[in-house]
Amino acid sequence: MCLFGPGQAEGKYSLFWEGSQPHAACNEQASGMRLEGQLDVFSKTLEAEQAAQAQAKLKAEDAQ
């Protein structure tokens, strides 16, 4: 995680990083005597495209 910097805590086992294009979230959960983590990286460009497509679909459905 040091490539992203320290991140912002969003709970005891959650960190969030905000980048210019992507943003990332890391969540850890206790599993027995260890922690298991999941890192998700999201593309802001892709999220914006998906939101625009969903908005266009709603608009088309409302026009019918």
PDB file of N, CA and C in Angstrom:
ATOM      1  N   MET A   1       0.806  -1.206   0.000  1.00  0.00           N
ATOM      2  CA  MET A   1       0.000   0.000   0.000  1.00  0.00           C
ATOM      3  C   MET A   1       0.845   1.264   0.000  1.00  0.00           C
ATOM      4  N   CYS A   2       2.129   1.132   0.192  1.00  0.00           N
ATOM      5  CA  CYS A   2       2.944   2.339   0.273  1.00  0.00           C
ATOM      6  C   CYS A   2       3.002   3.094  -1.056  1.00  0.00           C
ATOM      7  N   LEU A   3       2.676   2.452  -2.179  1.00  0.00           N
ATOM      8  CA  LEU A   3       2.614   3.169  -3.451  1.00  0.00           C
ATOM      9  C   LEU A   3       1.535   4.244  -3.433  1.00  0.00           C
ATOM     10  N   PHE A   4       0.462   3.997  -2.715  1.00  0.00           N
ATOM     11  CA  PHE A   4      -0.657   4.918  -2.666  1.00  0.00           C
ATOM     12  C   PHE A   4      -0.520   5.949  -1.559  1.00  0.00           C
ATOM     13  N   GLY A   5       0.398   5.750  -0.635  1.00  0.00           N
ATOM     14  CA  GLY A   5       0.512   6.635   0.521  1.00  0.00           C
ATOM     15  C   GLY A   5      -0.287   6.065   1.675  1.00  0.00           C
ATOM     16  N   PRO A   6      -0.408   6.822   2.741  1.00  0.00           N
ATOM     17  CA  PRO A   6      -1.043   6.292   3.946  1.00  0.00           C
ATOM     18  C   PRO A   6      -2.552   6.074   3.831  1.00  0.00           C
ATOM     19  N   GLY A   7      -3.238   6.770   2.960  1.00  0.00           N
ATOM     20  CA  GLY A   7      -4.685   6.606   2.822  1.00  0.00           C
ATOM     21  C   GLY A   7      -5.454   7.272   3.951  1.00  0.00           C
ATOM     22  N   GLN A   8      -6.753   7.291   3.806  1.00  0.00           N
ATOM     23  CA  GLN A   8      -7.646   7.861   4.808  1.00  0.00           C
ATOM     24  C   GLN A   8      -8.422   6.727   5.449  1.00  0.00           C
ATOM     25  N   ALA A   9      -8.411   6.677   6.763  1.00  0.00           N
ATOM     26  CA  ALA A   9      -9.130   5.628   7.476  1.00  0.00           C
ATOM     27  C   ALA A   9     -10.630   5.857   7.355  1.00  0.00           C
ATOM     28  N   GLU A  10     -11.355   4.775   7.066  1.00  0.00           N
ATOM     29  CA  GLU A  10     -12.814   4.813   7.003  1.00  0.00           C
ATOM     30  C   GLU A  10     -13.384   3.745   7.924  1.00  0.00           C
ATOM     31  N   GLY A  11     -12.757   3.568   9.028  1.00  0.00           N
ATOM     32  CA  GLY A  11     -13.147   2.536   9.984  1.00  0.00           C
ATOM     33  C   GLY A  11     -11.893   1.843  10.480  1.00  0.00           C
ATOM     34  N   LYS A  12     -12.065   0.938  11.401  1.00  0.00           N
ATOM     35  CA  LYS A  12     -10.913   0.279  12.008  1.00  0.00           C
ATOM     36  C   LYS A  12     -10.096  -0.513  10.988  1.00  0.00           C
ATOM     37  N   TYR A  13     -10.750  -1.153  10.032  1.00  0.00           N
ATOM     38  CA  TYR A  13     -10.047  -2.000   9.074  1.00  0.00           C
ATOM     39  C   TYR A  13     -10.292  -1.568   7.630  1.00  0.00           C
ATOM     40  N   SER A  14     -10.508  -0.283   7.398  1.00  0.00           N
ATOM     41  CA  SER A  14     -10.794   0.217   6.056  1.00  0.00           C
ATOM     42  C   SER A  14      -9.946   1.442   5.753  1.00  0.00           C
ATOM     43  N   LEU A  15      -9.346   1.444   4.569  1.00  0.00           N
ATOM     44  CA  LEU A  15      -8.599   2.605   4.094  1.00  0.00           C
ATOM     45  C   LEU A  15      -9.103   2.989   2.713  1.00  0.00           C
ATOM     46  N   PHE A  16      -9.002   4.269   2.377  1.00  0.00           N
ATOM     47  CA  PHE A  16      -9.471   4.783   1.098  1.00  0.00           C
ATOM     48  C   PHE A  16      -8.420   5.727   0.534  1.00  0.00           C
ATOM     49  N   TRP A  17      -8.164   5.631  -0.753  1.00  0.00           N
ATOM     50  CA  TRP A  17      -7.232   6.526  -1.437  1.00  0.00           C
ATOM     51  C   TRP A  17      -7.963   7.207  -2.577  1.00  0.00           C
ATOM     52  N   GLU A  18      -7.775   8.497  -2.712  1.00  0.00           N
ATOM     53  CA  GLU A  18      -8.395   9.281  -3.782  1.00  0.00           C
ATOM     54  C   GLU A  18      -7.296   9.733  -4.733  1.00  0.00           C
ATOM     55  N   GLY A  19      -7.357   9.291  -5.989  1.00  0.00           N
ATOM     56  CA  GLY A  19      -6.392   9.698  -7.000  1.00  0.00           C
ATOM     57  C   GLY A  19      -7.049  10.602  -8.024  1.00  0.00           C
ATOM     58  N   SER A  20      -6.263  11.081  -8.973  1.00  0.00           N
ATOM     59  CA  SER A  20      -6.827  11.978  -9.987  1.00  0.00           C
ATOM     60  C   SER A  20      -7.715  11.207 -10.968  1.00  0.00           C
ATOM     61  N   GLN A  21      -7.383   9.965 -11.301  1.00  0.00           N
ATOM     62  CA  GLN A  21      -8.213   9.147 -12.183  1.00  0.00           C
ATOM     63  C   GLN A  21      -8.841   7.963 -11.456  1.00  0.00           C
ATOM     64  N   PRO A  22      -8.053   7.205 -10.706  1.00  0.00           N
ATOM     65  CA  PRO A  22      -8.670   6.106  -9.963  1.00  0.00           C
ATOM     66  C   PRO A  22      -8.878   6.476  -8.496  1.00  0.00           C
ATOM     67  N   HIS A  23      -9.653   5.675  -7.821  1.00  0.00           N
ATOM     68  CA  HIS A  23      -9.674   5.701  -6.366  1.00  0.00           C
ATOM     69  C   HIS A  23      -9.683   4.254  -5.912  1.00  0.00           C
ATOM     70  N   ALA A  24      -9.182   4.014  -4.722  1.00  0.00           N
ATOM     71  CA  ALA A  24      -9.019   2.649  -4.244  1.00  0.00           C
ATOM     72  C   ALA A  24      -9.514   2.529  -2.818  1.00  0.00           C
ATOM     73  N   ALA A  25      -9.950   1.327  -2.475  1.00  0.00           N
ATOM     74  CA  ALA A  25     -10.399   1.036  -1.117  1.00  0.00           C
ATOM     75  C   ALA A  25      -9.833  -0.312  -0.696  1.00  0.00           C
ATOM     76  N   CYS A  26      -9.374  -0.382   0.527  1.00  0.00           N
ATOM     77  CA  CYS A  26      -8.854  -1.621   1.082  1.00  0.00           C
ATOM     78  C   CYS A  26      -9.648  -1.944   2.336  1.00  0.00           C
ATOM     79  N   ASN A  27     -10.182  -3.143   2.401  1.00  0.00           N
ATOM     80  CA  ASN A  27     -10.946  -3.587   3.562  1.00  0.00           C
ATOM     81  C   ASN A  27     -10.332  -4.877   4.082  1.00  0.00           C
ATOM     82  N   GLU A  28     -10.195  -4.957   5.389  1.00  0.00           N
ATOM     83  CA  GLU A  28      -9.657  -6.156   6.015  1.00  0.00           C
ATOM     84  C   GLU A  28     -10.683  -6.721   6.983  1.00  0.00           C
ATOM     85  N   GLN A  29     -10.720  -8.050   7.082  1.00  0.00           N
ATOM     86  CA  GLN A  29     -11.618  -8.722   8.015  1.00  0.00           C
ATOM     87  C   GLN A  29     -10.829  -9.787   8.760  1.00  0.00           C
ATOM     88  N   ALA A  30     -11.149  -9.930  10.025  1.00  0.00           N
ATOM     89  CA  ALA A  30     -10.515 -10.971  10.807  1.00  0.00           C
ATOM     90  C   ALA A  30     -11.012 -12.327  10.339  1.00  0.00           C
ATOM     91  N   SER A  31     -10.090 -13.254  10.190  1.00  0.00           N
ATOM     92  CA  SER A  31     -10.419 -14.618   9.800  1.00  0.00           C
ATOM     93  C   SER A  31      -9.582 -15.538  10.679  1.00  0.00           C
ATOM     94  N   GLY A  32     -10.166 -15.966  11.760  1.00  0.00           N
ATOM     95  CA  GLY A  32      -9.411 -16.762  12.723  1.00  0.00           C
ATOM     96  C   GLY A  32      -8.349 -15.899  13.380  1.00  0.00           C
ATOM     97  N   MET A  33      -7.107 -16.310  13.268  1.00  0.00           N
ATOM     98  CA  MET A  33      -5.995 -15.582  13.894  1.00  0.00           C
ATOM     99  C   MET A  33      -5.293 -14.639  12.913  1.00  0.00           C
ATOM    100  N   ARG A  34      -5.888 -14.366  11.760  1.00  0.00           N
ATOM    101  CA  ARG A  34      -5.252 -13.499  10.767  1.00  0.00           C
ATOM    102  C   ARG A  34      -6.258 -12.525  10.177  1.00  0.00           C
ATOM    103  N   LEU A  35      -5.754 -11.577   9.419  1.00  0.00           N
ATOM    104  CA  LEU A  35      -6.602 -10.641   8.693  1.00  0.00           C
ATOM    105  C   LEU A  35      -6.566 -10.979   7.213  1.00  0.00           C
ATOM    106  N   GLU A  36      -7.716 -10.950   6.565  1.00  0.00           N
ATOM    107  CA  GLU A  36      -7.806 -11.104   5.117  1.00  0.00           C
ATOM    108  C   GLU A  36      -8.206  -9.770   4.532  1.00  0.00           C
ATOM    109  N   GLY A  37      -7.525  -9.358   3.484  1.00  0.00           N
ATOM    110  CA  GLY A  37      -7.800  -8.052   2.901  1.00  0.00           C
ATOM    111  C   GLY A  37      -8.269  -8.135   1.468  1.00  0.00           C
ATOM    112  N   GLN A  38      -8.987  -7.115   1.058  1.00  0.00           N
ATOM    113  CA  GLN A  38      -9.449  -6.986  -0.323  1.00  0.00           C
ATOM    114  C   GLN A  38      -9.163  -5.560  -0.769  1.00  0.00           C
ATOM    115  N   LEU A  39      -8.488  -5.419  -1.901  1.00  0.00           N
ATOM    116  CA  LEU A  39      -8.191  -4.114  -2.467  1.00  0.00           C
ATOM    117  C   LEU A  39      -9.018  -3.945  -3.733  1.00  0.00           C
ATOM    118  N   ASP A  40      -9.820  -2.896  -3.788  1.00  0.00           N
ATOM    119  CA  ASP A  40     -10.619  -2.571  -4.972  1.00  0.00           C
ATOM    120  C   ASP A  40     -10.117  -1.257  -5.541  1.00  0.00           C
ATOM    121  N   VAL A  41      -9.873  -1.230  -6.838  1.00  0.00           N
ATOM    122  CA  VAL A  41      -9.441  -0.014  -7.528  1.00  0.00           C
ATOM    123  C   VAL A  41     -10.522   0.329  -8.545  1.00  0.00           C
ATOM    124  N   PHE A  42     -10.999   1.553  -8.490  1.00  0.00           N
ATOM    125  CA  PHE A  42     -12.104   2.001  -9.339  1.00  0.00           C
ATOM    126  C   PHE A  42     -11.628   3.082 -10.297  1.00  0.00           C
ATOM    127  N   SER A  43     -12.043   2.996 -11.545  1.00  0.00           N
ATOM    128  CA  SER A  43     -11.738   4.006 -12.554  1.00  0.00           C
ATOM    129  C   SER A  43     -12.820   5.077 -12.519  1.00  0.00           C
ATOM    130  N   LYS A  44     -12.426   6.303 -12.259  1.00  0.00           N
ATOM    131  CA  LYS A  44     -13.405   7.399 -12.246  1.00  0.00           C
ATOM    132  C   LYS A  44     -14.006   7.603 -13.637  1.00  0.00           C
ATOM    133  N   THR A  45     -13.198   7.425 -14.680  1.00  0.00           N
ATOM    134  CA  THR A  45     -13.683   7.578 -16.050  1.00  0.00           C
ATOM    135  C   THR A  45     -14.761   6.541 -16.355  1.00  0.00           C
ATOM    136  N   LEU A  46     -14.504   5.286 -16.012  1.00  0.00           N
ATOM    137  CA  LEU A  46     -15.478   4.229 -16.260  1.00  0.00           C
ATOM    138  C   LEU A  46     -16.734   4.436 -15.424  1.00  0.00           C
ATOM    139  N   GLU A  47     -16.584   4.841 -14.177  1.00  0.00           N
ATOM    140  CA  GLU A  47     -17.759   5.105 -13.337  1.00  0.00           C
ATOM    141  C   GLU A  47     -18.611   6.224 -13.926  1.00  0.00           C
ATOM    142  N   ALA A  48     -17.975   7.279 -14.462  1.00  0.00           N
ATOM    143  CA  ALA A  48     -18.716   8.383 -15.068  1.00  0.00           C
ATOM    144  C   ALA A  48     -19.459   7.916 -16.320  1.00  0.00           C
ATOM    145  N   GLU A  49     -18.803   7.073 -17.126  1.00  0.00           N
ATOM    146  CA  GLU A  49     -19.454   6.540 -18.329  1.00  0.00           C
ATOM    147  C   GLU A  49     -20.653   5.674 -17.956  1.00  0.00           C
ATOM    148  N   GLN A  50     -20.504   4.841 -16.946  1.00  0.00           N
ATOM    149  CA  GLN A  50     -21.602   3.974 -16.519  1.00  0.00           C
ATOM    150  C   GLN A  50     -22.761   4.795 -15.958  1.00  0.00           C
ATOM    151  N   ALA A  51     -22.458   5.849 -15.217  1.00  0.00           N
ATOM    152  CA  ALA A  51     -23.513   6.721 -14.680  1.00  0.00           C
ATOM    153  C   ALA A  51     -24.245   7.425 -15.818  1.00  0.00           C
ATOM    154  N   ALA A  52     -23.508   7.886 -16.835  1.00  0.00           N
ATOM    155  CA  ALA A  52     -24.131   8.556 -17.979  1.00  0.00           C
ATOM    156  C   ALA A  52     -25.028   7.587 -18.746  1.00  0.00           C
ATOM    157  N   GLN A  53     -24.580   6.346 -18.912  1.00  0.00           N
ATOM    158  CA  GLN A  53     -25.394   5.344 -19.603  1.00  0.00           C
ATOM    159  C   GLN A  53     -26.663   5.035 -18.814  1.00  0.00           C
ATOM    160  N   ALA A  54     -26.534   4.918 -17.502  1.00  0.00           N
ATOM    161  CA  ALA A  54     -27.709   4.645 -16.666  1.00  0.00           C
ATOM    162  C   ALA A  54     -28.691   5.811 -16.731  1.00  0.00           C
ATOM    163  N   GLN A  55     -28.170   7.037 -16.722  1.00  0.00           N
ATOM    164  CA  GLN A  55     -29.021   8.224 -16.808  1.00  0.00           C
ATOM    165  C   GLN A  55     -29.739   8.268 -18.157  1.00  0.00           C
ATOM    166  N   ALA A  56     -29.015   7.954 -19.232  1.00  0.00           N
ATOM    167  CA  ALA A  56     -29.625   7.951 -20.569  1.00  0.00           C
ATOM    168  C   ALA A  56     -30.703   6.880 -20.660  1.00  0.00           C
ATOM    169  N   LYS A  57     -30.457   5.725 -20.052  1.00  0.00           N
ATOM    170  CA  LYS A  57     -31.457   4.655 -20.059  1.00  0.00           C
ATOM    171  C   LYS A  57     -32.722   5.072 -19.306  1.00  0.00           C
ATOM    172  N   LEU A  58     -32.559   5.711 -18.147  1.00  0.00           N
ATOM    173  CA  LEU A  58     -33.712   6.195 -17.395  1.00  0.00           C
ATOM    174  C   LEU A  58     -34.487   7.238 -18.168  1.00  0.00           C
ATOM    175  N   LYS A  59     -33.758   8.128 -18.823  1.00  0.00           N
ATOM    176  CA  LYS A  59     -34.399   9.186 -19.612  1.00  0.00           C
ATOM    177  C   LYS A  59     -35.197   8.576 -20.766  1.00  0.00           C
ATOM    178  N   ALA A  60     -34.625   7.558 -21.433  1.00  0.00           N
ATOM    179  CA  ALA A  60     -35.319   6.889 -22.536  1.00  0.00           C
ATOM    180  C   ALA A  60     -36.557   6.158 -22.046  1.00  0.00           C
ATOM    181  N   GLU A  61     -36.455   5.529 -20.879  1.00  0.00           N
ATOM    182  CA  GLU A  61     -37.602   4.817 -20.310  1.00  0.00           C
ATOM    183  C   GLU A  61     -38.709   5.785 -19.922  1.00  0.00           C
ATOM    184  N   ASP A  62     -38.335   6.952 -19.406  1.00  0.00           N
ATOM    185  CA  ASP A  62     -39.329   7.958 -19.015  1.00  0.00           C
ATOM    186  C   ASP A  62     -40.035   8.544 -20.235  1.00  0.00           C
ATOM    187  N   ALA A  63     -39.342   8.594 -21.371  1.00  0.00           N
ATOM    188  CA  ALA A  63     -39.915   9.169 -22.596  1.00  0.00           C
ATOM    189  C   ALA A  63     -40.951   8.243 -23.219  1.00  0.00           C
ATOM    190  N   GLN A  64     -40.932   6.975 -22.865  1.00  0.00           N
ATOM    191  CA  GLN A  64     -41.869   6.021 -23.467  1.00  0.00           C
ATOM    192  C   GLN A  64     -43.220   6.063 -22.831  1.00  0.00           C
TER     193      GLN A  64
END
